[in-house]
Amino acid sequence: LAFGGPDPSSPQVAVRQVSFDRAMELLNASPEHLDAAEAAFRQLGY
């Protein structure tokens, strides 16, 4: 109410952008990195 913005438990606040970008890089690298990308997203809380 006082400050507005996203909920502190939302991914916009709880997930670091740098970590999310690294998981996206793994996802886009090649099909061989799919398992690693999946694990990275799980580690971020998804």
PDB file of all heavy atoms in Angstrom:
ATOM      1  N   LEU A   1       0.819  -1.210   0.000  1.00  0.00           N
ATOM      2  CA  LEU A   1       0.000   0.000   0.000  1.00  0.00           C
ATOM      3  C   LEU A   1       0.855   1.264   0.000  1.00  0.00           C
ATOM      4  O   LEU A   1       0.553   2.231  -0.689  1.00  0.00           O
ATOM      5  CB  LEU A   1      -0.936   0.004   1.206  1.00  0.00           C
ATOM      6  CG  LEU A   1      -2.089  -0.996   1.155  1.00  0.00           C
ATOM      7  CD1 LEU A   1      -2.838  -0.982   2.487  1.00  0.00           C
ATOM      8  CD2 LEU A   1      -3.031  -0.687   0.012  1.00  0.00           C
ATOM      9  N   ALA A   2       1.927   1.240   0.771  1.00  0.00           N
ATOM     10  CA  ALA A   2       2.766   2.429   0.904  1.00  0.00           C
ATOM     11  C   ALA A   2       3.668   2.645  -0.309  1.00  0.00           C
ATOM     12  O   ALA A   2       3.822   3.767  -0.784  1.00  0.00           O
ATOM     13  CB  ALA A   2       3.621   2.319   2.164  1.00  0.00           C
ATOM     14  N   PHE A   3       4.264   1.577  -0.815  1.00  0.00           N
ATOM     15  CA  PHE A   3       5.263   1.719  -1.866  1.00  0.00           C
ATOM     16  C   PHE A   3       4.803   1.230  -3.226  1.00  0.00           C
ATOM     17  O   PHE A   3       5.426   1.538  -4.230  1.00  0.00           O
ATOM     18  CB  PHE A   3       6.554   0.983  -1.479  1.00  0.00           C
ATOM     19  CG  PHE A   3       7.136   1.468  -0.193  1.00  0.00           C
ATOM     20  CD1 PHE A   3       7.099   0.693   0.940  1.00  0.00           C
ATOM     21  CD2 PHE A   3       7.712   2.728  -0.112  1.00  0.00           C
ATOM     22  CE1 PHE A   3       7.635   1.130   2.131  1.00  0.00           C
ATOM     23  CE2 PHE A   3       8.250   3.183   1.083  1.00  0.00           C
ATOM     24  CZ  PHE A   3       8.214   2.382   2.199  1.00  0.00           C
ATOM     25  N   GLY A   4       3.758   0.409  -3.273  1.00  0.00           N
ATOM     26  CA  GLY A   4       3.312  -0.144  -4.541  1.00  0.00           C
ATOM     27  C   GLY A   4       4.318  -1.139  -5.083  1.00  0.00           C
ATOM     28  O   GLY A   4       5.161  -1.654  -4.361  1.00  0.00           O
ATOM     29  N   GLY A   5       4.242  -1.393  -6.359  1.00  0.00           N
ATOM     30  CA  GLY A   5       5.190  -2.295  -6.994  1.00  0.00           C
ATOM     31  C   GLY A   5       4.799  -3.747  -6.851  1.00  0.00           C
ATOM     32  O   GLY A   5       3.775  -4.077  -6.265  1.00  0.00           O
ATOM     33  N   PRO A   6       5.626  -4.627  -7.381  1.00  0.00           N
ATOM     34  CA  PRO A   6       5.317  -6.054  -7.353  1.00  0.00           C
ATOM     35  C   PRO A   6       5.457  -6.656  -5.962  1.00  0.00           C
ATOM     36  O   PRO A   6       6.147  -6.120  -5.101  1.00  0.00           O
ATOM     37  CB  PRO A   6       6.336  -6.666  -8.308  1.00  0.00           C
ATOM     38  CG  PRO A   6       7.455  -5.697  -8.348  1.00  0.00           C
ATOM     39  CD  PRO A   6       6.855  -4.341  -8.093  1.00  0.00           C
ATOM     40  N   ASP A   7       4.800  -7.763  -5.772  1.00  0.00           N
ATOM     41  CA  ASP A   7       4.868  -8.519  -4.525  1.00  0.00           C
ATOM     42  C   ASP A   7       6.301  -9.009  -4.322  1.00  0.00           C
ATOM     43  O   ASP A   7       6.936  -9.469  -5.265  1.00  0.00           O
ATOM     44  CB  ASP A   7       3.905  -9.708  -4.629  1.00  0.00           C
ATOM     45  CG  ASP A   7       3.748 -10.438  -3.323  1.00  0.00           C
ATOM     46  OD1 ASP A   7       4.776 -10.821  -2.745  1.00  0.00           O
ATOM     47  OD2 ASP A   7       2.608 -10.634  -2.900  1.00  0.00           O
ATOM     48  N   PRO A   8       6.829  -8.934  -3.107  1.00  0.00           N
ATOM     49  CA  PRO A   8       8.206  -9.389  -2.856  1.00  0.00           C
ATOM     50  C   PRO A   8       8.435 -10.866  -3.185  1.00  0.00           C
ATOM     51  O   PRO A   8       9.568 -11.274  -3.417  1.00  0.00           O
ATOM     52  CB  PRO A   8       8.409  -9.143  -1.358  1.00  0.00           C
ATOM     53  CG  PRO A   8       7.379  -8.163  -0.983  1.00  0.00           C
ATOM     54  CD  PRO A   8       6.232  -8.332  -1.936  1.00  0.00           C
ATOM     55  N   SER A   9       7.381 -11.670  -3.218  1.00  0.00           N
ATOM     56  CA  SER A   9       7.550 -13.083  -3.542  1.00  0.00           C
ATOM     57  C   SER A   9       7.338 -13.358  -5.026  1.00  0.00           C
ATOM     58  O   SER A   9       7.369 -14.502  -5.457  1.00  0.00           O
ATOM     59  CB  SER A   9       6.590 -13.932  -2.708  1.00  0.00           C
ATOM     60  OG  SER A   9       5.248 -13.643  -3.069  1.00  0.00           O
ATOM     61  N   SER A  10       7.133 -12.313  -5.824  1.00  0.00           N
ATOM     62  CA  SER A  10       6.930 -12.495  -7.266  1.00  0.00           C
ATOM     63  C   SER A  10       8.268 -12.716  -7.951  1.00  0.00           C
ATOM     64  O   SER A  10       9.316 -12.313  -7.443  1.00  0.00           O
ATOM     65  CB  SER A  10       6.225 -11.278  -7.857  1.00  0.00           C
ATOM     66  OG  SER A  10       7.113 -10.184  -7.900  1.00  0.00           O
ATOM     67  N   PRO A  11       8.269 -13.337  -9.128  1.00  0.00           N
ATOM     68  CA  PRO A  11       9.538 -13.557  -9.822  1.00  0.00           C
ATOM     69  C   PRO A  11      10.215 -12.257 -10.245  1.00  0.00           C
ATOM     70  O   PRO A  11      11.429 -12.212 -10.378  1.00  0.00           O
ATOM     71  CB  PRO A  11       9.150 -14.398 -11.033  1.00  0.00           C
ATOM     72  CG  PRO A  11       7.692 -14.237 -11.199  1.00  0.00           C
ATOM     73  CD  PRO A  11       7.142 -13.921  -9.844  1.00  0.00           C
ATOM     74  N   GLN A  12       9.439 -11.183 -10.432  1.00  0.00           N
ATOM     75  CA  GLN A  12      10.040  -9.911 -10.798  1.00  0.00           C
ATOM     76  C   GLN A  12      10.981  -9.408  -9.715  1.00  0.00           C
ATOM     77  O   GLN A  12      11.921  -8.674  -9.998  1.00  0.00           O
ATOM     78  CB  GLN A  12       8.960  -8.846 -11.069  1.00  0.00           C
ATOM     79  CG  GLN A  12       8.123  -9.116 -12.285  1.00  0.00           C
ATOM     80  CD  GLN A  12       6.909  -9.997 -11.998  1.00  0.00           C
ATOM     81  OE1 GLN A  12       6.743 -10.515 -10.896  1.00  0.00           O
ATOM     82  NE2 GLN A  12       6.082 -10.189 -13.004  1.00  0.00           N
ATOM     83  N   VAL A  13      10.737  -9.804  -8.462  1.00  0.00           N
ATOM     84  CA  VAL A  13      11.565  -9.384  -7.336  1.00  0.00           C
ATOM     85  C   VAL A  13      12.499 -10.510  -6.893  1.00  0.00           C
ATOM     86  O   VAL A  13      13.677 -10.279  -6.620  1.00  0.00           O
ATOM     87  CB  VAL A  13      10.682  -8.931  -6.148  1.00  0.00           C
ATOM     88  CG1 VAL A  13      11.526  -8.592  -4.932  1.00  0.00           C
ATOM     89  CG2 VAL A  13       9.825  -7.739  -6.552  1.00  0.00           C
ATOM     90  N   ALA A  14      11.993 -11.726  -6.841  1.00  0.00           N
ATOM     91  CA  ALA A  14      12.736 -12.851  -6.260  1.00  0.00           C
ATOM     92  C   ALA A  14      13.805 -13.438  -7.192  1.00  0.00           C
ATOM     93  O   ALA A  14      14.745 -14.068  -6.723  1.00  0.00           O
ATOM     94  CB  ALA A  14      11.758 -13.949  -5.836  1.00  0.00           C
ATOM     95  N   VAL A  15      13.672 -13.243  -8.503  1.00  0.00           N
ATOM     96  CA  VAL A  15      14.615 -13.829  -9.459  1.00  0.00           C
ATOM     97  C   VAL A  15      15.538 -12.738  -9.985  1.00  0.00           C
ATOM     98  O   VAL A  15      15.076 -11.712 -10.478  1.00  0.00           O
ATOM     99  CB  VAL A  15      13.859 -14.494 -10.637  1.00  0.00           C
ATOM    100  CG1 VAL A  15      14.836 -14.991 -11.683  1.00  0.00           C
ATOM    101  CG2 VAL A  15      12.988 -15.626 -10.138  1.00  0.00           C
ATOM    102  N   ARG A  16      16.835 -12.975  -9.856  1.00  0.00           N
ATOM    103  CA  ARG A  16      17.806 -12.018 -10.391  1.00  0.00           C
ATOM    104  C   ARG A  16      17.795 -12.083 -11.918  1.00  0.00           C
ATOM    105  O   ARG A  16      17.817 -13.166 -12.502  1.00  0.00           O
ATOM    106  CB  ARG A  16      19.203 -12.335  -9.874  1.00  0.00           C
ATOM    107  CG  ARG A  16      19.357 -12.067  -8.392  1.00  0.00           C
ATOM    108  CD  ARG A  16      20.757 -12.366  -7.879  1.00  0.00           C
ATOM    109  NE  ARG A  16      21.788 -11.769  -8.713  1.00  0.00           N
ATOM    110  CZ  ARG A  16      22.920 -12.393  -9.042  1.00  0.00           C
ATOM    111  NH1 ARG A  16      23.172 -13.596  -8.603  1.00  0.00           N
ATOM    112  NH2 ARG A  16      23.805 -11.797  -9.805  1.00  0.00           N
ATOM    113  N   GLN A  17      17.782 -10.931 -12.554  1.00  0.00           N
ATOM    114  CA  GLN A  17      17.731 -10.867 -14.014  1.00  0.00           C
ATOM    115  C   GLN A  17      18.938 -11.570 -14.644  1.00  0.00           C
ATOM    116  O   GLN A  17      18.805 -12.266 -15.638  1.00  0.00           O
ATOM    117  CB  GLN A  17      17.659  -9.412 -14.484  1.00  0.00           C
ATOM    118  CG  GLN A  17      17.507  -9.254 -15.991  1.00  0.00           C
ATOM    119  CD  GLN A  17      16.182  -9.752 -16.520  1.00  0.00           C
ATOM    120  OE1 GLN A  17      15.147  -9.461 -15.960  1.00  0.00           O
ATOM    121  NE2 GLN A  17      16.213 -10.518 -17.595  1.00  0.00           N
ATOM    122  N   VAL A  18      20.104 -11.411 -14.048  1.00  0.00           N
ATOM    123  CA  VAL A  18      21.324 -12.039 -14.577  1.00  0.00           C
ATOM    124  C   VAL A  18      21.182 -13.560 -14.590  1.00  0.00           C
ATOM    125  O   VAL A  18      21.534 -14.221 -15.571  1.00  0.00           O
ATOM    126  CB  VAL A  18      22.558 -11.615 -13.747  1.00  0.00           C
ATOM    127  CG1 VAL A  18      23.789 -12.387 -14.151  1.00  0.00           C
ATOM    128  CG2 VAL A  18      22.782 -10.122 -13.872  1.00  0.00           C
ATOM    129  N   SER A  19      20.651 -14.132 -13.528  1.00  0.00           N
ATOM    130  CA  SER A  19      20.471 -15.580 -13.448  1.00  0.00           C
ATOM    131  C   SER A  19      19.447 -16.052 -14.461  1.00  0.00           C
ATOM    132  O   SER A  19      19.613 -17.103 -15.097  1.00  0.00           O
ATOM    133  CB  SER A  19      20.022 -15.983 -12.041  1.00  0.00           C
ATOM    134  OG  SER A  19      20.971 -15.583 -11.095  1.00  0.00           O
ATOM    135  N   PHE A  20      18.376 -15.296 -14.626  1.00  0.00           N
ATOM    136  CA  PHE A  20      17.353 -15.639 -15.609  1.00  0.00           C
ATOM    137  C   PHE A  20      17.945 -15.601 -17.021  1.00  0.00           C
ATOM    138  O   PHE A  20      17.700 -16.498 -17.830  1.00  0.00           O
ATOM    139  CB  PHE A  20      16.171 -14.675 -15.487  1.00  0.00           C
ATOM    140  CG  PHE A  20      14.988 -15.070 -16.312  1.00  0.00           C
ATOM    141  CD1 PHE A  20      14.084 -16.021 -15.853  1.00  0.00           C
ATOM    142  CD2 PHE A  20      14.766 -14.496 -17.547  1.00  0.00           C
ATOM    143  CE1 PHE A  20      12.992 -16.392 -16.619  1.00  0.00           C
ATOM    144  CE2 PHE A  20      13.682 -14.859 -18.316  1.00  0.00           C
ATOM    145  CZ  PHE A  20      12.786 -15.808 -17.847  1.00  0.00           C
ATOM    146  N   ASP A  21      18.753 -14.585 -17.299  1.00  0.00           N
ATOM    147  CA  ASP A  21      19.391 -14.463 -18.618  1.00  0.00           C
ATOM    148  C   ASP A  21      20.324 -15.643 -18.886  1.00  0.00           C
ATOM    149  O   ASP A  21      20.383 -16.148 -20.015  1.00  0.00           O
ATOM    150  CB  ASP A  21      20.155 -13.152 -18.732  1.00  0.00           C
ATOM    151  CG  ASP A  21      19.236 -11.942 -18.798  1.00  0.00           C
ATOM    152  OD1 ASP A  21      18.033 -12.110 -19.092  1.00  0.00           O
ATOM    153  OD2 ASP A  21      19.726 -10.820 -18.538  1.00  0.00           O
ATOM    154  N   ARG A  22      21.043 -16.091 -17.879  1.00  0.00           N
ATOM    155  CA  ARG A  22      21.945 -17.246 -18.058  1.00  0.00           C
ATOM    156  C   ARG A  22      21.153 -18.515 -18.370  1.00  0.00           C
ATOM    157  O   ARG A  22      21.560 -19.321 -19.206  1.00  0.00           O
ATOM    158  CB  ARG A  22      22.797 -17.450 -16.811  1.00  0.00           C
ATOM    159  CG  ARG A  22      23.886 -16.428 -16.682  1.00  0.00           C
ATOM    160  CD  ARG A  22      24.784 -16.711 -15.512  1.00  0.00           C
ATOM    161  NE  ARG A  22      25.746 -15.625 -15.349  1.00  0.00           N
ATOM    162  CZ  ARG A  22      26.180 -15.192 -14.192  1.00  0.00           C
ATOM    163  NH1 ARG A  22      25.758 -15.739 -13.073  1.00  0.00           N
ATOM    164  NH2 ARG A  22      27.036 -14.204 -14.133  1.00  0.00           N
ATOM    165  N   ALA A  23      20.027 -18.698 -17.696  1.00  0.00           N
ATOM    166  CA  ALA A  23      19.170 -19.859 -17.985  1.00  0.00           C
ATOM    167  C   ALA A  23      18.623 -19.765 -19.406  1.00  0.00           C
ATOM    168  O   ALA A  23      18.542 -20.775 -20.117  1.00  0.00           O
ATOM    169  CB  ALA A  23      18.034 -19.942 -16.972  1.00  0.00           C
ATOM    170  N   MET A  24      18.285 -18.557 -19.851  1.00  0.00           N
ATOM    171  CA  MET A  24      17.805 -18.367 -21.215  1.00  0.00           C
ATOM    172  C   MET A  24      18.894 -18.680 -22.239  1.00  0.00           C
ATOM    173  O   MET A  24      18.628 -19.260 -23.288  1.00  0.00           O
ATOM    174  CB  MET A  24      17.311 -16.924 -21.415  1.00  0.00           C
ATOM    175  CG  MET A  24      15.999 -16.615 -20.744  1.00  0.00           C
ATOM    176  SD  MET A  24      14.626 -17.584 -21.420  1.00  0.00           S
ATOM    177  CE  MET A  24      14.619 -17.031 -23.114  1.00  0.00           C
ATOM    178  N   GLU A  25      20.138 -18.318 -21.925  1.00  0.00           N
ATOM    179  CA  GLU A  25      21.252 -18.628 -22.820  1.00  0.00           C
ATOM    180  C   GLU A  25      21.406 -20.132 -22.985  1.00  0.00           C
ATOM    181  O   GLU A  25      21.660 -20.624 -24.086  1.00  0.00           O
ATOM    182  CB  GLU A  25      22.546 -18.011 -22.299  1.00  0.00           C
ATOM    183  CG  GLU A  25      22.618 -16.514 -22.451  1.00  0.00           C
ATOM    184  CD  GLU A  25      23.836 -15.911 -21.762  1.00  0.00           C
ATOM    185  OE1 GLU A  25      24.727 -16.661 -21.310  1.00  0.00           O
ATOM    186  OE2 GLU A  25      23.888 -14.668 -21.678  1.00  0.00           O
ATOM    187  N   LEU A  26      21.279 -20.870 -21.880  1.00  0.00           N
ATOM    188  CA  LEU A  26      21.354 -22.333 -21.957  1.00  0.00           C
ATOM    189  C   LEU A  26      20.227 -22.886 -22.826  1.00  0.00           C
ATOM    190  O   LEU A  26      20.432 -23.791 -23.635  1.00  0.00           O
ATOM    191  CB  LEU A  26      21.270 -22.957 -20.559  1.00  0.00           C
ATOM    192  CG  LEU A  26      22.511 -22.883 -19.710  1.00  0.00           C
ATOM    193  CD1 LEU A  26      22.196 -23.328 -18.280  1.00  0.00           C
ATOM    194  CD2 LEU A  26      23.609 -23.757 -20.302  1.00  0.00           C
ATOM    195  N   LEU A  27      19.045 -22.334 -22.654  1.00  0.00           N
ATOM    196  CA  LEU A  27      17.883 -22.789 -23.411  1.00  0.00           C
ATOM    197  C   LEU A  27      18.081 -22.553 -24.904  1.00  0.00           C
ATOM    198  O   LEU A  27      17.733 -23.394 -25.728  1.00  0.00           O
ATOM    199  CB  LEU A  27      16.627 -22.065 -22.922  1.00  0.00           C
ATOM    200  CG  LEU A  27      15.316 -22.433 -23.597  1.00  0.00           C
ATOM    201  CD1 LEU A  27      14.961 -23.888 -23.303  1.00  0.00           C
ATOM    202  CD2 LEU A  27      14.209 -21.524 -23.127  1.00  0.00           C
ATOM    203  N   ASN A  28      18.662 -21.428 -25.253  1.00  0.00           N
ATOM    204  CA  ASN A  28      18.845 -21.072 -26.662  1.00  0.00           C
ATOM    205  C   ASN A  28      20.108 -21.648 -27.281  1.00  0.00           C
ATOM    206  O   ASN A  28      20.281 -21.571 -28.492  1.00  0.00           O
ATOM    207  CB  ASN A  28      18.847 -19.548 -26.814  1.00  0.00           C
ATOM    208  CG  ASN A  28      17.500 -18.953 -26.491  1.00  0.00           C
ATOM    209  OD1 ASN A  28      16.469 -19.533 -26.806  1.00  0.00           O
ATOM    210  ND2 ASN A  28      17.502 -17.800 -25.849  1.00  0.00           N
ATOM    211  N   ALA A  29      21.003 -22.221 -26.474  1.00  0.00           N
ATOM    212  CA  ALA A  29      22.298 -22.691 -26.976  1.00  0.00           C
ATOM    213  C   ALA A  29      22.141 -23.829 -27.986  1.00  0.00           C
ATOM    214  O   ALA A  29      22.550 -23.721 -29.122  1.00  0.00           O
ATOM    215  CB  ALA A  29      23.189 -23.120 -25.819  1.00  0.00           C
ATOM    216  N   SER A  30      21.560 -24.925 -27.565  1.00  0.00           N
ATOM    217  CA  SER A  30      21.364 -26.079 -28.442  1.00  0.00           C
ATOM    218  C   SER A  30      20.495 -27.092 -27.699  1.00  0.00           C
ATOM    219  O   SER A  30      20.342 -27.015 -26.477  1.00  0.00           O
ATOM    220  CB  SER A  30      22.712 -26.710 -28.817  1.00  0.00           C
ATOM    221  OG  SER A  30      23.298 -27.312 -27.690  1.00  0.00           O
ATOM    222  N   PRO A  31      19.946 -28.062 -28.444  1.00  0.00           N
ATOM    223  CA  PRO A  31      19.100 -29.069 -27.782  1.00  0.00           C
ATOM    224  C   PRO A  31      19.840 -29.861 -26.699  1.00  0.00           C
ATOM    225  O   PRO A  31      19.219 -30.334 -25.756  1.00  0.00           O
ATOM    226  CB  PRO A  31      18.677 -29.991 -28.932  1.00  0.00           C
ATOM    227  CG  PRO A  31      18.785 -29.165 -30.163  1.00  0.00           C
ATOM    228  CD  PRO A  31      19.920 -28.212 -29.899  1.00  0.00           C
ATOM    229  N   GLU A  32      21.155 -29.968 -26.814  1.00  0.00           N
ATOM    230  CA  GLU A  32      21.928 -30.717 -25.824  1.00  0.00           C
ATOM    231  C   GLU A  32      21.920 -30.033 -24.454  1.00  0.00           C
ATOM    232  O   GLU A  32      22.177 -30.662 -23.435  1.00  0.00           O
ATOM    233  CB  GLU A  32      23.385 -30.902 -26.283  1.00  0.00           C
ATOM    234  CG  GLU A  32      23.539 -31.813 -27.473  1.00  0.00           C
ATOM    235  CD  GLU A  32      23.270 -31.106 -28.796  1.00  0.00           C
ATOM    236  OE1 GLU A  32      23.526 -29.891 -28.914  1.00  0.00           O
ATOM    237  OE2 GLU A  32      22.782 -31.775 -29.717  1.00  0.00           O
ATOM    238  N   HIS A  33      21.647 -28.739 -24.419  1.00  0.00           N
ATOM    239  CA  HIS A  33      21.655 -27.988 -23.169  1.00  0.00           C
ATOM    240  C   HIS A  33      20.277 -27.860 -22.533  1.00  0.00           C
ATOM    241  O   HIS A  33      20.113 -27.148 -21.543  1.00  0.00           O
ATOM    242  CB  HIS A  33      22.243 -26.587 -23.404  1.00  0.00           C
ATOM    243  CG  HIS A  33      23.690 -26.609 -23.759  1.00  0.00           C
ATOM    244  ND1 HIS A  33      24.131 -26.507 -25.051  1.00  0.00           N
ATOM    245  CD2 HIS A  33      24.794 -26.745 -22.983  1.00  0.00           C
ATOM    246  CE1 HIS A  33      25.444 -26.570 -25.063  1.00  0.00           C
ATOM    247  NE2 HIS A  33      25.870 -26.716 -23.827  1.00  0.00           N
ATOM    248  N   LEU A  34      19.283 -28.548 -23.074  1.00  0.00           N
ATOM    249  CA  LEU A  34      17.923 -28.437 -22.558  1.00  0.00           C
ATOM    250  C   LEU A  34      17.817 -28.881 -21.106  1.00  0.00           C
ATOM    251  O   LEU A  34      17.136 -28.233 -20.311  1.00  0.00           O
ATOM    252  CB  LEU A  34      16.964 -29.254 -23.427  1.00  0.00           C
ATOM    253  CG  LEU A  34      15.852 -28.399 -23.971  1.00  0.00           C
ATOM    254  CD1 LEU A  34      15.967 -28.332 -25.467  1.00  0.00           C
ATOM    255  CD2 LEU A  34      14.538 -28.947 -23.579  1.00  0.00           C
ATOM    256  N   ASP A  35      18.475 -29.988 -20.755  1.00  0.00           N
ATOM    257  CA  ASP A  35      18.428 -30.477 -19.369  1.00  0.00           C
ATOM    258  C   ASP A  35      19.055 -29.459 -18.412  1.00  0.00           C
ATOM    259  O   ASP A  35      18.535 -29.219 -17.322  1.00  0.00           O
ATOM    260  CB  ASP A  35      19.139 -31.817 -19.235  1.00  0.00           C
ATOM    261  CG  ASP A  35      18.375 -32.954 -19.904  1.00  0.00           C
ATOM    262  OD1 ASP A  35      17.135 -32.852 -20.012  1.00  0.00           O
ATOM    263  OD2 ASP A  35      19.017 -33.924 -20.326  1.00  0.00           O
ATOM    264  N   ALA A  36      20.153 -28.857 -18.836  1.00  0.00           N
ATOM    265  CA  ALA A  36      20.820 -27.862 -18.002  1.00  0.00           C
ATOM    266  C   ALA A  36      19.947 -26.621 -17.847  1.00  0.00           C
ATOM    267  O   ALA A  36      19.855 -26.043 -16.757  1.00  0.00           O
ATOM    268  CB  ALA A  36      22.178 -27.485 -18.600  1.00  0.00           C
ATOM    269  N   ALA A  37      19.275 -26.210 -18.912  1.00  0.00           N
ATOM    270  CA  ALA A  37      18.381 -25.054 -18.840  1.00  0.00           C
ATOM    271  C   ALA A  37      17.213 -25.344 -17.912  1.00  0.00           C
ATOM    272  O   ALA A  37      16.830 -24.506 -17.084  1.00  0.00           O
ATOM    273  CB  ALA A  37      17.874 -24.691 -20.234  1.00  0.00           C
ATOM    274  N   GLU A  38      16.665 -26.540 -18.035  1.00  0.00           N
ATOM    275  CA  GLU A  38      15.554 -26.955 -17.168  1.00  0.00           C
ATOM    276  C   GLU A  38      15.973 -26.914 -15.703  1.00  0.00           C
ATOM    277  O   GLU A  38      15.254 -26.397 -14.843  1.00  0.00           O
ATOM    278  CB  GLU A  38      15.120 -28.366 -17.567  1.00  0.00           C
ATOM    279  CG  GLU A  38      13.784 -28.778 -17.069  1.00  0.00           C
ATOM    280  CD  GLU A  38      13.354 -30.120 -17.645  1.00  0.00           C
ATOM    281  OE1 GLU A  38      13.722 -30.455 -18.783  1.00  0.00           O
ATOM    282  OE2 GLU A  38      12.641 -30.837 -16.927  1.00  0.00           O
ATOM    283  N   ALA A  39      17.158 -27.432 -15.407  1.00  0.00           N
ATOM    284  CA  ALA A  39      17.675 -27.426 -14.031  1.00  0.00           C
ATOM    285  C   ALA A  39      17.915 -25.992 -13.542  1.00  0.00           C
ATOM    286  O   ALA A  39      17.631 -25.674 -12.379  1.00  0.00           O
ATOM    287  CB  ALA A  39      18.968 -28.233 -13.956  1.00  0.00           C
ATOM    288  N   ALA A  40      18.400 -25.122 -14.420  1.00  0.00           N
ATOM    289  CA  ALA A  40      18.657 -23.729 -14.039  1.00  0.00           C
ATOM    290  C   ALA A  40      17.355 -23.017 -13.681  1.00  0.00           C
ATOM    291  O   ALA A  40      17.291 -22.288 -12.688  1.00  0.00           O
ATOM    292  CB  ALA A  40      19.372 -23.000 -15.168  1.00  0.00           C
ATOM    293  N   PHE A  41      16.306 -23.242 -14.463  1.00  0.00           N
ATOM    294  CA  PHE A  41      15.015 -22.611 -14.158  1.00  0.00           C
ATOM    295  C   PHE A  41      14.435 -23.158 -12.848  1.00  0.00           C
ATOM    296  O   PHE A  41      13.856 -22.409 -12.067  1.00  0.00           O
ATOM    297  CB  PHE A  41      14.030 -22.802 -15.306  1.00  0.00           C
ATOM    298  CG  PHE A  41      14.294 -21.904 -16.481  1.00  0.00           C
ATOM    299  CD1 PHE A  41      14.595 -22.437 -17.720  1.00  0.00           C
ATOM    300  CD2 PHE A  41      14.251 -20.527 -16.347  1.00  0.00           C
ATOM    301  CE1 PHE A  41      14.831 -21.618 -18.804  1.00  0.00           C
ATOM    302  CE2 PHE A  41      14.488 -19.692 -17.431  1.00  0.00           C
ATOM    303  CZ  PHE A  41      14.782 -20.245 -18.665  1.00  0.00           C
ATOM    304  N   ARG A  42      14.607 -24.440 -12.604  1.00  0.00           N
ATOM    305  CA  ARG A  42      14.139 -25.014 -11.329  1.00  0.00           C
ATOM    306  C   ARG A  42      14.893 -24.399 -10.150  1.00  0.00           C
ATOM    307  O   ARG A  42      14.308 -24.115  -9.109  1.00  0.00           O
ATOM    308  CB  ARG A  42      14.306 -26.530 -11.341  1.00  0.00           C
ATOM    309  CG  ARG A  42      13.222 -27.232 -12.085  1.00  0.00           C
ATOM    310  CD  ARG A  42      13.140 -28.713 -11.712  1.00  0.00           C
ATOM    311  NE  ARG A  42      11.971 -29.279 -12.347  1.00  0.00           N
ATOM    312  CZ  ARG A  42      11.992 -29.978 -13.468  1.00  0.00           C
ATOM    313  NH1 ARG A  42      13.131 -30.224 -14.065  1.00  0.00           N
ATOM    314  NH2 ARG A  42      10.882 -30.452 -13.983  1.00  0.00           N
ATOM    315  N   GLN A  43      16.174 -24.209 -10.332  1.00  0.00           N
ATOM    316  CA  GLN A  43      16.990 -23.624  -9.268  1.00  0.00           C
ATOM    317  C   GLN A  43      16.561 -22.186  -8.967  1.00  0.00           C
ATOM    318  O   GLN A  43      16.654 -21.724  -7.826  1.00  0.00           O
ATOM    319  CB  GLN A  43      18.465 -23.658  -9.664  1.00  0.00           C
ATOM    320  CG  GLN A  43      19.404 -23.312  -8.551  1.00  0.00           C
ATOM    321  CD  GLN A  43      20.847 -23.543  -8.961  1.00  0.00           C
ATOM    322  OE1 GLN A  43      21.183 -23.544 -10.145  1.00  0.00           O
ATOM    323  NE2 GLN A  43      21.704 -23.727  -7.974  1.00  0.00           N
ATOM    324  N   LEU A  44      16.032 -21.494  -9.962  1.00  0.00           N
ATOM    325  CA  LEU A  44      15.541 -20.133  -9.768  1.00  0.00           C
ATOM    326  C   LEU A  44      14.193 -20.102  -9.048  1.00  0.00           C
ATOM    327  O   LEU A  44      13.748 -19.056  -8.606  1.00  0.00           O
ATOM    328  CB  LEU A  44      15.410 -19.416 -11.111  1.00  0.00           C
ATOM    329  CG  LEU A  44      16.714 -19.104 -11.828  1.00  0.00           C
ATOM    330  CD1 LEU A  44      16.431 -18.513 -13.204  1.00  0.00           C
ATOM    331  CD2 LEU A  44      17.561 -18.152 -11.004  1.00  0.00           C
ATOM    332  N   GLY A  45      13.532 -21.254  -8.951  1.00  0.00           N
ATOM    333  CA  GLY A  45      12.259 -21.313  -8.238  1.00  0.00           C
ATOM    334  C   GLY A  45      11.059 -21.623  -9.107  1.00  0.00           C
ATOM    335  O   GLY A  45       9.930 -21.664  -8.626  1.00  0.00           O
ATOM    336  N   TYR A  46      11.282 -21.849 -10.389  1.00  0.00           N
ATOM    337  CA  TYR A  46      10.184 -22.171 -11.292  1.00  0.00           C
ATOM    338  C   TYR A  46       9.857 -23.664 -11.258  1.00  0.00           C
ATOM    339  O   TYR A  46      10.738 -24.495 -11.050  1.00  0.00           O
ATOM    340  CB  TYR A  46      10.545 -21.809 -12.738  1.00  0.00           C
ATOM    341  CG  TYR A  46      10.466 -20.333 -13.035  1.00  0.00           C
ATOM    342  CD1 TYR A  46      11.591 -19.533 -12.982  1.00  0.00           C
ATOM    343  CD2 TYR A  46       9.258 -19.746 -13.381  1.00  0.00           C
ATOM    344  CE1 TYR A  46      11.525 -18.183 -13.260  1.00  0.00           C
ATOM    345  CE2 TYR A  46       9.176 -18.396 -13.661  1.00  0.00           C
ATOM    346  CZ  TYR A  46      10.316 -17.622 -13.603  1.00  0.00           C
ATOM    347  OH  TYR A  46      10.239 -16.281 -13.874  1.00  0.00           O
TER     348      TYR A  46
END
